[in-house]
Full PDB file with SEQRES, HELIX, SHEET, SSBOND, CRYST1, ORIGX, SCALE, CONECT and MASTER records, all heavy atoms in Angstrom:
SEQRES   1 A   38  GLY LEU THR VAL VAL ASN PRO PHE ARG THR ARG ARG LEU          
SEQRES   2 A   38  ALA TRP ALA GLU VAL VAL ASN VAL THR MET ASN ALA GLY          
SEQRES   3 A   38  ASP PRO TRP PRO THR PHE ASP LEU ALA ASP GLY THR              
HELIX    1 AA1 TRP A   15  GLU A   17  5                                   3    
SHEET    1 AA1 2 LEU A   2  VAL A   5  0                                        
SHEET    2 AA1 2 THR A  10  LEU A  13 -1                                        
SHEET    1 AA2 2 VAL A  18  THR A  22  0                                        
SHEET    2 AA2 2 THR A  31  LEU A  34 -1                                        
CRYST1    1.000    1.000    1.000  90.00  90.00  90.00 P 1           1          
ORIGX1      1.000000  0.000000  0.000000        0.00000                         
ORIGX2      0.000000  1.000000  0.000000        0.00000                         
ORIGX3      0.000000  0.000000  1.000000        0.00000                         
SCALE1      1.000000  0.000000  0.000000        0.00000                         
SCALE2      0.000000  1.000000  0.000000        0.00000                         
SCALE3      0.000000  0.000000  1.000000        0.00000                         
ATOM      1  N   GLY A   1       0.800  -1.213   0.000  1.00  0.00           N  
ATOM      2  CA  GLY A   1       0.000   0.000   0.000  1.00  0.00           C  
ATOM      3  C   GLY A   1       0.833   1.263   0.000  1.00  0.00           C  
ATOM      4  O   GLY A   1       1.978   1.280  -0.447  1.00  0.00           O  
ATOM      5  N   LEU A   2       0.239   2.320   0.530  1.00  0.00           N  
ATOM      6  CA  LEU A   2       0.854   3.641   0.558  1.00  0.00           C  
ATOM      7  C   LEU A   2       1.016   4.117   1.994  1.00  0.00           C  
ATOM      8  O   LEU A   2       0.149   3.867   2.832  1.00  0.00           O  
ATOM      9  CB  LEU A   2      -0.019   4.656  -0.181  1.00  0.00           C  
ATOM     10  CG  LEU A   2      -0.183   4.475  -1.674  1.00  0.00           C  
ATOM     11  CD1 LEU A   2      -1.365   5.275  -2.182  1.00  0.00           C  
ATOM     12  CD2 LEU A   2       1.086   4.915  -2.377  1.00  0.00           C  
ATOM     13  N   THR A   3       2.102   4.824   2.239  1.00  0.00           N  
ATOM     14  CA  THR A   3       2.284   5.524   3.502  1.00  0.00           C  
ATOM     15  C   THR A   3       2.373   7.004   3.168  1.00  0.00           C  
ATOM     16  O   THR A   3       3.225   7.411   2.382  1.00  0.00           O  
ATOM     17  CB  THR A   3       3.565   5.072   4.222  1.00  0.00           C  
ATOM     18  OG1 THR A   3       3.501   3.662   4.425  1.00  0.00           O  
ATOM     19  CG2 THR A   3       3.717   5.776   5.557  1.00  0.00           C  
ATOM     20  N   VAL A   4       1.461   7.790   3.725  1.00  0.00           N  
ATOM     21  CA  VAL A   4       1.425   9.230   3.478  1.00  0.00           C  
ATOM     22  C   VAL A   4       1.890   9.919   4.760  1.00  0.00           C  
ATOM     23  O   VAL A   4       1.241   9.813   5.799  1.00  0.00           O  
ATOM     24  CB  VAL A   4       0.009   9.692   3.094  1.00  0.00           C  
ATOM     25  CG1 VAL A   4      -0.026  11.194   2.874  1.00  0.00           C  
ATOM     26  CG2 VAL A   4      -0.477   8.950   1.856  1.00  0.00           C  
ATOM     27  N   VAL A   5       3.033  10.599   4.665  1.00  0.00           N  
ATOM     28  CA  VAL A   5       3.594  11.311   5.806  1.00  0.00           C  
ATOM     29  C   VAL A   5       3.384  12.804   5.572  1.00  0.00           C  
ATOM     30  O   VAL A   5       3.993  13.383   4.675  1.00  0.00           O  
ATOM     31  CB  VAL A   5       5.099  11.001   5.987  1.00  0.00           C  
ATOM     32  CG1 VAL A   5       5.657  11.762   7.184  1.00  0.00           C  
ATOM     33  CG2 VAL A   5       5.321   9.507   6.145  1.00  0.00           C  
ATOM     34  N   ASN A   6       2.499  13.402   6.340  1.00  0.00           N  
ATOM     35  CA  ASN A   6       2.252  14.835   6.317  1.00  0.00           C  
ATOM     36  C   ASN A   6       2.881  15.428   7.580  1.00  0.00           C  
ATOM     37  O   ASN A   6       3.386  14.684   8.425  1.00  0.00           O  
ATOM     38  CB  ASN A   6       0.753  15.112   6.220  1.00  0.00           C  
ATOM     39  CG  ASN A   6       0.223  14.844   4.817  1.00  0.00           C  
ATOM     40  OD1 ASN A   6       0.944  14.955   3.833  1.00  0.00           O  
ATOM     41  ND2 ASN A   6      -1.048  14.492   4.721  1.00  0.00           N  
ATOM     42  N   PRO A   7       2.872  16.748   7.759  1.00  0.00           N  
ATOM     43  CA  PRO A   7       3.622  17.324   8.880  1.00  0.00           C  
ATOM     44  C   PRO A   7       3.321  16.719  10.248  1.00  0.00           C  
ATOM     45  O   PRO A   7       4.244  16.423  10.994  1.00  0.00           O  
ATOM     46  CB  PRO A   7       3.236  18.803   8.845  1.00  0.00           C  
ATOM     47  CG  PRO A   7       2.956  19.069   7.425  1.00  0.00           C  
ATOM     48  CD  PRO A   7       2.311  17.803   6.905  1.00  0.00           C  
ATOM     49  N   PHE A   8       2.084  16.523  10.590  1.00  0.00           N  
ATOM     50  CA  PHE A   8       1.778  16.066  11.942  1.00  0.00           C  
ATOM     51  C   PHE A   8       1.005  14.769  11.986  1.00  0.00           C  
ATOM     52  O   PHE A   8       0.502  14.380  13.042  1.00  0.00           O  
ATOM     53  CB  PHE A   8       1.037  17.171  12.708  1.00  0.00           C  
ATOM     54  CG  PHE A   8       1.871  18.411  12.846  1.00  0.00           C  
ATOM     55  CD1 PHE A   8       1.637  19.509  12.046  1.00  0.00           C  
ATOM     56  CD2 PHE A   8       2.921  18.455  13.740  1.00  0.00           C  
ATOM     57  CE1 PHE A   8       2.427  20.650  12.150  1.00  0.00           C  
ATOM     58  CE2 PHE A   8       3.719  19.578  13.857  1.00  0.00           C  
ATOM     59  CZ  PHE A   8       3.476  20.677  13.059  1.00  0.00           C  
ATOM     60  N   ARG A   9       0.905  14.083  10.845  1.00  0.00           N  
ATOM     61  CA  ARG A   9       0.182  12.808  10.830  1.00  0.00           C  
ATOM     62  C   ARG A   9       0.751  11.903   9.751  1.00  0.00           C  
ATOM     63  O   ARG A   9       1.014  12.333   8.637  1.00  0.00           O  
ATOM     64  CB  ARG A   9      -1.294  13.058  10.560  1.00  0.00           C  
ATOM     65  CG  ARG A   9      -2.095  11.789  10.647  1.00  0.00           C  
ATOM     66  CD  ARG A   9      -3.571  12.047  10.677  1.00  0.00           C  
ATOM     67  NE  ARG A   9      -4.243  10.770  10.833  1.00  0.00           N  
ATOM     68  CZ  ARG A   9      -5.475  10.553  10.459  1.00  0.00           C  
ATOM     69  NH1 ARG A   9      -6.188  11.517   9.920  1.00  0.00           N  
ATOM     70  NH2 ARG A   9      -6.027   9.371  10.622  1.00  0.00           N  
ATOM     71  N   THR A  10       0.910  10.651  10.104  1.00  0.00           N  
ATOM     72  CA  THR A  10       1.313   9.625   9.149  1.00  0.00           C  
ATOM     73  C   THR A  10       0.160   8.650   9.022  1.00  0.00           C  
ATOM     74  O   THR A  10      -0.398   8.206  10.029  1.00  0.00           O  
ATOM     75  CB  THR A  10       2.575   8.890   9.645  1.00  0.00           C  
ATOM     76  OG1 THR A  10       3.633   9.845   9.765  1.00  0.00           O  
ATOM     77  CG2 THR A  10       2.978   7.788   8.684  1.00  0.00           C  
ATOM     78  N   ARG A  11      -0.191   8.330   7.795  1.00  0.00           N  
ATOM     79  CA  ARG A  11      -1.321   7.427   7.573  1.00  0.00           C  
ATOM     80  C   ARG A  11      -0.900   6.322   6.624  1.00  0.00           C  
ATOM     81  O   ARG A  11      -0.337   6.583   5.571  1.00  0.00           O  
ATOM     82  CB  ARG A  11      -2.505   8.207   6.999  1.00  0.00           C  
ATOM     83  CG  ARG A  11      -3.703   7.349   6.754  1.00  0.00           C  
ATOM     84  CD  ARG A  11      -4.959   7.955   7.300  1.00  0.00           C  
ATOM     85  NE  ARG A  11      -6.078   7.053   7.022  1.00  0.00           N  
ATOM     86  CZ  ARG A  11      -7.206   7.433   6.503  1.00  0.00           C  
ATOM     87  NH1 ARG A  11      -7.422   8.695   6.209  1.00  0.00           N  
ATOM     88  NH2 ARG A  11      -8.166   6.559   6.289  1.00  0.00           N  
ATOM     89  N   ARG A  12      -1.192   5.099   6.993  1.00  0.00           N  
ATOM     90  CA  ARG A  12      -0.909   3.924   6.173  1.00  0.00           C  
ATOM     91  C   ARG A  12      -2.192   3.514   5.471  1.00  0.00           C  
ATOM     92  O   ARG A  12      -3.229   3.346   6.110  1.00  0.00           O  
ATOM     93  CB  ARG A  12      -0.387   2.799   7.064  1.00  0.00           C  
ATOM     94  CG  ARG A  12      -0.072   1.544   6.346  1.00  0.00           C  
ATOM     95  CD  ARG A  12       1.194   1.671   5.542  1.00  0.00           C  
ATOM     96  NE  ARG A  12       1.360   0.443   4.778  1.00  0.00           N  
ATOM     97  CZ  ARG A  12       2.026   0.357   3.662  1.00  0.00           C  
ATOM     98  NH1 ARG A  12       2.644   1.401   3.182  1.00  0.00           N  
ATOM     99  NH2 ARG A  12       2.127  -0.770   3.026  1.00  0.00           N  
ATOM    100  N   LEU A  13      -2.128   3.362   4.142  1.00  0.00           N  
ATOM    101  CA  LEU A  13      -3.292   2.976   3.348  1.00  0.00           C  
ATOM    102  C   LEU A  13      -3.000   1.681   2.608  1.00  0.00           C  
ATOM    103  O   LEU A  13      -1.947   1.554   1.975  1.00  0.00           O  
ATOM    104  CB  LEU A  13      -3.616   4.057   2.311  1.00  0.00           C  
ATOM    105  CG  LEU A  13      -3.908   5.461   2.812  1.00  0.00           C  
ATOM    106  CD1 LEU A  13      -3.937   6.438   1.653  1.00  0.00           C  
ATOM    107  CD2 LEU A  13      -5.219   5.475   3.571  1.00  0.00           C  
ATOM    108  N   ALA A  14      -3.910   0.735   2.683  1.00  0.00           N  
ATOM    109  CA  ALA A  14      -3.818  -0.449   1.829  1.00  0.00           C  
ATOM    110  C   ALA A  14      -4.243  -0.022   0.428  1.00  0.00           C  
ATOM    111  O   ALA A  14      -5.017   0.929   0.255  1.00  0.00           O  
ATOM    112  CB  ALA A  14      -4.740  -1.546   2.355  1.00  0.00           C  
ATOM    113  N   TRP A  15      -3.747  -0.706  -0.584  1.00  0.00           N  
ATOM    114  CA  TRP A  15      -4.092  -0.340  -1.958  1.00  0.00           C  
ATOM    115  C   TRP A  15      -5.600  -0.346  -2.176  1.00  0.00           C  
ATOM    116  O   TRP A  15      -6.143   0.505  -2.875  1.00  0.00           O  
ATOM    117  CB  TRP A  15      -3.416  -1.270  -2.955  1.00  0.00           C  
ATOM    118  CG  TRP A  15      -1.957  -0.986  -3.130  1.00  0.00           C  
ATOM    119  CD1 TRP A  15      -0.911  -1.792  -2.780  1.00  0.00           C  
ATOM    120  CD2 TRP A  15      -1.367   0.190  -3.702  1.00  0.00           C  
ATOM    121  NE1 TRP A  15       0.278  -1.193  -3.086  1.00  0.00           N  
ATOM    122  CE2 TRP A  15       0.023   0.026  -3.668  1.00  0.00           C  
ATOM    123  CE3 TRP A  15      -1.880   1.369  -4.233  1.00  0.00           C  
ATOM    124  CZ2 TRP A  15       0.906   0.998  -4.145  1.00  0.00           C  
ATOM    125  CZ3 TRP A  15      -1.004   2.329  -4.712  1.00  0.00           C  
ATOM    126  CH2 TRP A  15       0.367   2.134  -4.667  1.00  0.00           C  
ATOM    127  N   ALA A  16      -6.293  -1.281  -1.545  1.00  0.00           N  
ATOM    128  CA  ALA A  16      -7.740  -1.384  -1.739  1.00  0.00           C  
ATOM    129  C   ALA A  16      -8.498  -0.176  -1.178  1.00  0.00           C  
ATOM    130  O   ALA A  16      -9.624   0.085  -1.583  1.00  0.00           O  
ATOM    131  CB  ALA A  16      -8.260  -2.664  -1.090  1.00  0.00           C  
ATOM    132  N   GLU A  17      -7.883   0.571  -0.268  1.00  0.00           N  
ATOM    133  CA  GLU A  17      -8.527   1.757   0.291  1.00  0.00           C  
ATOM    134  C   GLU A  17      -8.510   2.945  -0.662  1.00  0.00           C  
ATOM    135  O   GLU A  17      -9.290   3.877  -0.502  1.00  0.00           O  
ATOM    136  CB  GLU A  17      -7.833   2.175   1.586  1.00  0.00           C  
ATOM    137  CG  GLU A  17      -8.003   1.228   2.736  1.00  0.00           C  
ATOM    138  CD  GLU A  17      -7.262   1.733   3.955  1.00  0.00           C  
ATOM    139  OE1 GLU A  17      -7.756   2.686   4.594  1.00  0.00           O  
ATOM    140  OE2 GLU A  17      -6.180   1.197   4.255  1.00  0.00           O  
ATOM    141  N   VAL A  18      -7.603   2.931  -1.626  1.00  0.00           N  
ATOM    142  CA  VAL A  18      -7.422   4.074  -2.512  1.00  0.00           C  
ATOM    143  C   VAL A  18      -8.297   3.902  -3.746  1.00  0.00           C  
ATOM    144  O   VAL A  18      -8.095   2.994  -4.545  1.00  0.00           O  
ATOM    145  CB  VAL A  18      -5.942   4.226  -2.923  1.00  0.00           C  
ATOM    146  CG1 VAL A  18      -5.768   5.437  -3.830  1.00  0.00           C  
ATOM    147  CG2 VAL A  18      -5.057   4.332  -1.692  1.00  0.00           C  
ATOM    148  N   VAL A  19      -9.269   4.783  -3.893  1.00  0.00           N  
ATOM    149  CA  VAL A  19     -10.172   4.735  -5.040  1.00  0.00           C  
ATOM    150  C   VAL A  19      -9.583   5.503  -6.215  1.00  0.00           C  
ATOM    151  O   VAL A  19      -9.620   5.056  -7.355  1.00  0.00           O  
ATOM    152  CB  VAL A  19     -11.559   5.306  -4.665  1.00  0.00           C  
ATOM    153  CG1 VAL A  19     -12.472   5.373  -5.872  1.00  0.00           C  
ATOM    154  CG2 VAL A  19     -12.183   4.474  -3.559  1.00  0.00           C  
ATOM    155  N   ASN A  20      -9.030   6.682  -5.935  1.00  0.00           N  
ATOM    156  CA  ASN A  20      -8.498   7.527  -6.997  1.00  0.00           C  
ATOM    157  C   ASN A  20      -7.516   8.523  -6.390  1.00  0.00           C  
ATOM    158  O   ASN A  20      -7.514   8.744  -5.181  1.00  0.00           O  
ATOM    159  CB  ASN A  20      -9.639   8.266  -7.702  1.00  0.00           C  
ATOM    160  CG  ASN A  20      -9.231   8.857  -9.035  1.00  0.00           C  
ATOM    161  OD1 ASN A  20      -8.176   8.541  -9.574  1.00  0.00           O  
ATOM    162  ND2 ASN A  20     -10.074   9.714  -9.578  1.00  0.00           N  
ATOM    163  N   VAL A  21      -6.707   9.121  -7.242  1.00  0.00           N  
ATOM    164  CA  VAL A  21      -5.827  10.202  -6.823  1.00  0.00           C  
ATOM    165  C   VAL A  21      -5.948  11.309  -7.861  1.00  0.00           C  
ATOM    166  O   VAL A  21      -5.940  11.051  -9.060  1.00  0.00           O  
ATOM    167  CB  VAL A  21      -4.367   9.724  -6.637  1.00  0.00           C  
ATOM    168  CG1 VAL A  21      -3.777   9.169  -7.917  1.00  0.00           C  
ATOM    169  CG2 VAL A  21      -3.495  10.852  -6.096  1.00  0.00           C  
ATOM    170  N   THR A  22      -6.123  12.544  -7.378  1.00  0.00           N  
ATOM    171  CA  THR A  22      -6.289  13.677  -8.286  1.00  0.00           C  
ATOM    172  C   THR A  22      -5.362  14.811  -7.889  1.00  0.00           C  
ATOM    173  O   THR A  22      -4.985  14.954  -6.719  1.00  0.00           O  
ATOM    174  CB  THR A  22      -7.740  14.212  -8.268  1.00  0.00           C  
ATOM    175  OG1 THR A  22      -8.076  14.584  -6.931  1.00  0.00           O  
ATOM    176  CG2 THR A  22      -8.720  13.174  -8.774  1.00  0.00           C  
ATOM    177  N   MET A  23      -5.019  15.618  -8.891  1.00  0.00           N  
ATOM    178  CA  MET A  23      -4.234  16.830  -8.655  1.00  0.00           C  
ATOM    179  C   MET A  23      -4.586  17.795  -9.777  1.00  0.00           C  
ATOM    180  O   MET A  23      -3.993  17.757 -10.850  1.00  0.00           O  
ATOM    181  CB  MET A  23      -2.740  16.533  -8.625  1.00  0.00           C  
ATOM    182  CG  MET A  23      -1.888  17.700  -8.224  1.00  0.00           C  
ATOM    183  SD  MET A  23      -0.181  17.154  -8.038  1.00  0.00           S  
ATOM    184  CE  MET A  23       0.586  18.700  -7.635  1.00  0.00           C  
ATOM    185  N   ASN A  24      -5.598  18.612  -9.527  1.00  0.00           N  
ATOM    186  CA  ASN A  24      -6.066  19.553 -10.526  1.00  0.00           C  
ATOM    187  C   ASN A  24      -5.130  20.756 -10.610  1.00  0.00           C  
ATOM    188  O   ASN A  24      -4.361  21.021  -9.686  1.00  0.00           O  
ATOM    189  CB  ASN A  24      -7.485  20.013 -10.195  1.00  0.00           C  
ATOM    190  CG  ASN A  24      -8.448  18.855 -10.168  1.00  0.00           C  
ATOM    191  OD1 ASN A  24      -8.401  17.968 -11.018  1.00  0.00           O  
ATOM    192  ND2 ASN A  24      -9.308  18.824  -9.163  1.00  0.00           N  
ATOM    193  N   ALA A  25      -5.231  21.497 -11.694  1.00  0.00           N  
ATOM    194  CA  ALA A  25      -4.442  22.715 -11.849  1.00  0.00           C  
ATOM    195  C   ALA A  25      -4.723  23.646 -10.678  1.00  0.00           C  
ATOM    196  O   ALA A  25      -5.876  23.879 -10.316  1.00  0.00           O  
ATOM    197  CB  ALA A  25      -4.785  23.391 -13.166  1.00  0.00           C  
ATOM    198  N   GLY A  26      -3.682  24.138 -10.066  1.00  0.00           N  
ATOM    199  CA  GLY A  26      -3.835  25.021  -8.913  1.00  0.00           C  
ATOM    200  C   GLY A  26      -3.805  24.319  -7.580  1.00  0.00           C  
ATOM    201  O   GLY A  26      -3.682  24.970  -6.539  1.00  0.00           O  
ATOM    202  N   ASP A  27      -3.941  22.996  -7.569  1.00  0.00           N  
ATOM    203  CA  ASP A  27      -3.849  22.251  -6.306  1.00  0.00           C  
ATOM    204  C   ASP A  27      -2.392  22.227  -5.846  1.00  0.00           C  
ATOM    205  O   ASP A  27      -1.487  21.987  -6.649  1.00  0.00           O  
ATOM    206  CB  ASP A  27      -4.340  20.811  -6.472  1.00  0.00           C  
ATOM    207  CG  ASP A  27      -5.841  20.703  -6.611  1.00  0.00           C  
ATOM    208  OD1 ASP A  27      -6.528  21.719  -6.408  1.00  0.00           O  
ATOM    209  OD2 ASP A  27      -6.323  19.598  -6.936  1.00  0.00           O  
ATOM    210  N   PRO A  28      -2.142  22.417  -4.545  1.00  0.00           N  
ATOM    211  CA  PRO A  28      -0.758  22.398  -4.065  1.00  0.00           C  
ATOM    212  C   PRO A  28      -0.154  21.003  -3.998  1.00  0.00           C  
ATOM    213  O   PRO A  28       1.057  20.843  -4.067  1.00  0.00           O  
ATOM    214  CB  PRO A  28      -0.856  23.022  -2.680  1.00  0.00           C  
ATOM    215  CG  PRO A  28      -2.266  22.798  -2.255  1.00  0.00           C  
ATOM    216  CD  PRO A  28      -3.096  22.784  -3.509  1.00  0.00           C  
ATOM    217  N   TRP A  29      -0.989  19.978  -3.880  1.00  0.00           N  
ATOM    218  CA  TRP A  29      -0.513  18.593  -3.795  1.00  0.00           C  
ATOM    219  C   TRP A  29      -1.663  17.652  -4.152  1.00  0.00           C  
ATOM    220  O   TRP A  29      -2.818  18.048  -4.189  1.00  0.00           O  
ATOM    221  CB  TRP A  29       0.026  18.266  -2.404  1.00  0.00           C  
ATOM    222  CG  TRP A  29      -0.766  18.853  -1.288  1.00  0.00           C  
ATOM    223  CD1 TRP A  29      -1.993  18.453  -0.857  1.00  0.00           C  
ATOM    224  CD2 TRP A  29      -0.411  19.973  -0.477  1.00  0.00           C  
ATOM    225  NE1 TRP A  29      -2.413  19.249   0.183  1.00  0.00           N  
ATOM    226  CE2 TRP A  29      -1.458  20.189   0.433  1.00  0.00           C  
ATOM    227  CE3 TRP A  29       0.708  20.796  -0.413  1.00  0.00           C  
ATOM    228  CZ2 TRP A  29      -1.423  21.205   1.377  1.00  0.00           C  
ATOM    229  CZ3 TRP A  29       0.728  21.800   0.529  1.00  0.00           C  
ATOM    230  CH2 TRP A  29      -0.323  22.002   1.411  1.00  0.00           C  
ATOM    231  N   PRO A  30      -1.355  16.368  -4.388  1.00  0.00           N  
ATOM    232  CA  PRO A  30      -2.405  15.399  -4.752  1.00  0.00           C  
ATOM    233  C   PRO A  30      -3.351  15.114  -3.594  1.00  0.00           C  
ATOM    234  O   PRO A  30      -3.012  15.276  -2.424  1.00  0.00           O  
ATOM    235  CB  PRO A  30      -1.627  14.134  -5.104  1.00  0.00           C  
ATOM    236  CG  PRO A  30      -0.217  14.524  -5.235  1.00  0.00           C  
ATOM    237  CD  PRO A  30      -0.026  15.774  -4.453  1.00  0.00           C  
ATOM    238  N   THR A  31      -4.539  14.658  -3.960  1.00  0.00           N  
ATOM    239  CA  THR A  31      -5.546  14.257  -2.981  1.00  0.00           C  
ATOM    240  C   THR A  31      -6.006  12.842  -3.319  1.00  0.00           C  
ATOM    241  O   THR A  31      -6.359  12.554  -4.455  1.00  0.00           O  
ATOM    242  CB  THR A  31      -6.751  15.213  -3.019  1.00  0.00           C  
ATOM    243  OG1 THR A  31      -6.286  16.533  -2.756  1.00  0.00           O  
ATOM    244  CG2 THR A  31      -7.786  14.824  -1.983  1.00  0.00           C  
ATOM    245  N   PHE A  32      -5.972  11.967  -2.309  1.00  0.00           N  
ATOM    246  CA  PHE A  32      -6.464  10.611  -2.469  1.00  0.00           C  
ATOM    247  C   PHE A  32      -7.949  10.575  -2.131  1.00  0.00           C  
ATOM    248  O   PHE A  32      -8.362  11.108  -1.104  1.00  0.00           O  
ATOM    249  CB  PHE A  32      -5.738   9.635  -1.541  1.00  0.00           C  
ATOM    250  CG  PHE A  32      -4.304   9.419  -1.890  1.00  0.00           C  
ATOM    251  CD1 PHE A  32      -3.292  10.016  -1.156  1.00  0.00           C  
ATOM    252  CD2 PHE A  32      -3.953   8.613  -2.961  1.00  0.00           C  
ATOM    253  CE1 PHE A  32      -1.970   9.819  -1.475  1.00  0.00           C  
ATOM    254  CE2 PHE A  32      -2.625   8.407  -3.293  1.00  0.00           C  
ATOM    255  CZ  PHE A  32      -1.636   9.010  -2.547  1.00  0.00           C  
ATOM    256  N   ASP A  33      -8.744   9.943  -2.994  1.00  0.00           N  
ATOM    257  CA  ASP A  33     -10.134   9.638  -2.680  1.00  0.00           C  
ATOM    258  C   ASP A  33     -10.124   8.224  -2.109  1.00  0.00           C  
ATOM    259  O   ASP A  33      -9.650   7.289  -2.761  1.00  0.00           O  
ATOM    260  CB  ASP A  33     -11.010   9.699  -3.930  1.00  0.00           C  
ATOM    261  CG  ASP A  33     -11.088  11.100  -4.503  1.00  0.00           C  
ATOM    262  OD1 ASP A  33     -11.134  12.055  -3.710  1.00  0.00           O  
ATOM    263  OD2 ASP A  33     -11.090  11.235  -5.732  1.00  0.00           O  
ATOM    264  N   LEU A  34     -10.649   8.078  -0.915  1.00  0.00           N  
ATOM    265  CA  LEU A  34     -10.577   6.798  -0.222  1.00  0.00           C  
ATOM    266  C   LEU A  34     -11.910   6.071  -0.266  1.00  0.00           C  
ATOM    267  O   LEU A  34     -12.966   6.680  -0.443  1.00  0.00           O  
ATOM    268  CB  LEU A  34     -10.125   7.015   1.222  1.00  0.00           C  
ATOM    269  CG  LEU A  34      -8.793   7.766   1.374  1.00  0.00           C  
ATOM    270  CD1 LEU A  34      -8.469   7.963   2.842  1.00  0.00           C  
ATOM    271  CD2 LEU A  34      -7.672   7.048   0.650  1.00  0.00           C  
ATOM    272  N   ALA A  35     -11.855   4.771  -0.083  1.00  0.00           N  
ATOM    273  CA  ALA A  35     -13.040   3.920  -0.181  1.00  0.00           C  
ATOM    274  C   ALA A  35     -14.098   4.265   0.860  1.00  0.00           C  
ATOM    275  O   ALA A  35     -15.284   4.038   0.636  1.00  0.00           O  
ATOM    276  CB  ALA A  35     -12.634   2.453  -0.049  1.00  0.00           C  
ATOM    277  N   ASP A  36     -13.706   4.844   1.986  1.00  0.00           N  
ATOM    278  CA  ASP A  36     -14.683   5.189   3.018  1.00  0.00           C  
ATOM    279  C   ASP A  36     -15.362   6.537   2.758  1.00  0.00           C  
ATOM    280  O   ASP A  36     -16.113   7.033   3.591  1.00  0.00           O  
ATOM    281  CB  ASP A  36     -14.044   5.161   4.407  1.00  0.00           C  
ATOM    282  CG  ASP A  36     -12.957   6.211   4.584  1.00  0.00           C  
ATOM    283  OD1 ASP A  36     -12.701   7.003   3.646  1.00  0.00           O  
ATOM    284  OD2 ASP A  36     -12.352   6.247   5.677  1.00  0.00           O  
ATOM    285  N   GLY A  37     -15.077   7.158   1.611  1.00  0.00           N  
ATOM    286  CA  GLY A  37     -15.718   8.418   1.243  1.00  0.00           C  
ATOM    287  C   GLY A  37     -14.952   9.659   1.665  1.00  0.00           C  
ATOM    288  O   GLY A  37     -15.376  10.770   1.379  1.00  0.00           O  
ATOM    289  N   THR A  38     -13.824   9.482   2.349  1.00  0.00           N  
ATOM    290  CA  THR A  38     -13.019  10.625   2.775  1.00  0.00           C  
ATOM    291  C   THR A  38     -11.910  10.891   1.772  1.00  0.00           C  
ATOM    292  O   THR A  38     -11.701  10.111   0.837  1.00  0.00           O  
ATOM    293  CB  THR A  38     -12.398  10.384   4.168  1.00  0.00           C  
ATOM    294  OG1 THR A  38     -11.524   9.248   4.095  1.00  0.00           O  
ATOM    295  CG2 THR A  38     -13.487  10.156   5.214  1.00  0.00           C  
TER     296      THR A  38                                                      
MASTER        0    0    0    1    4    0    0    6  295    1    0    3          
END                                                                             
């Protein structure tokens, strides 16, 4: 899976939890869409 380390939180994601990843023009960084809707 993926390990996302942000400044004050580290989150481990299994591959099955990741639905999509997006980074639109103007976004400062990518955003993961997760299976739980978050």
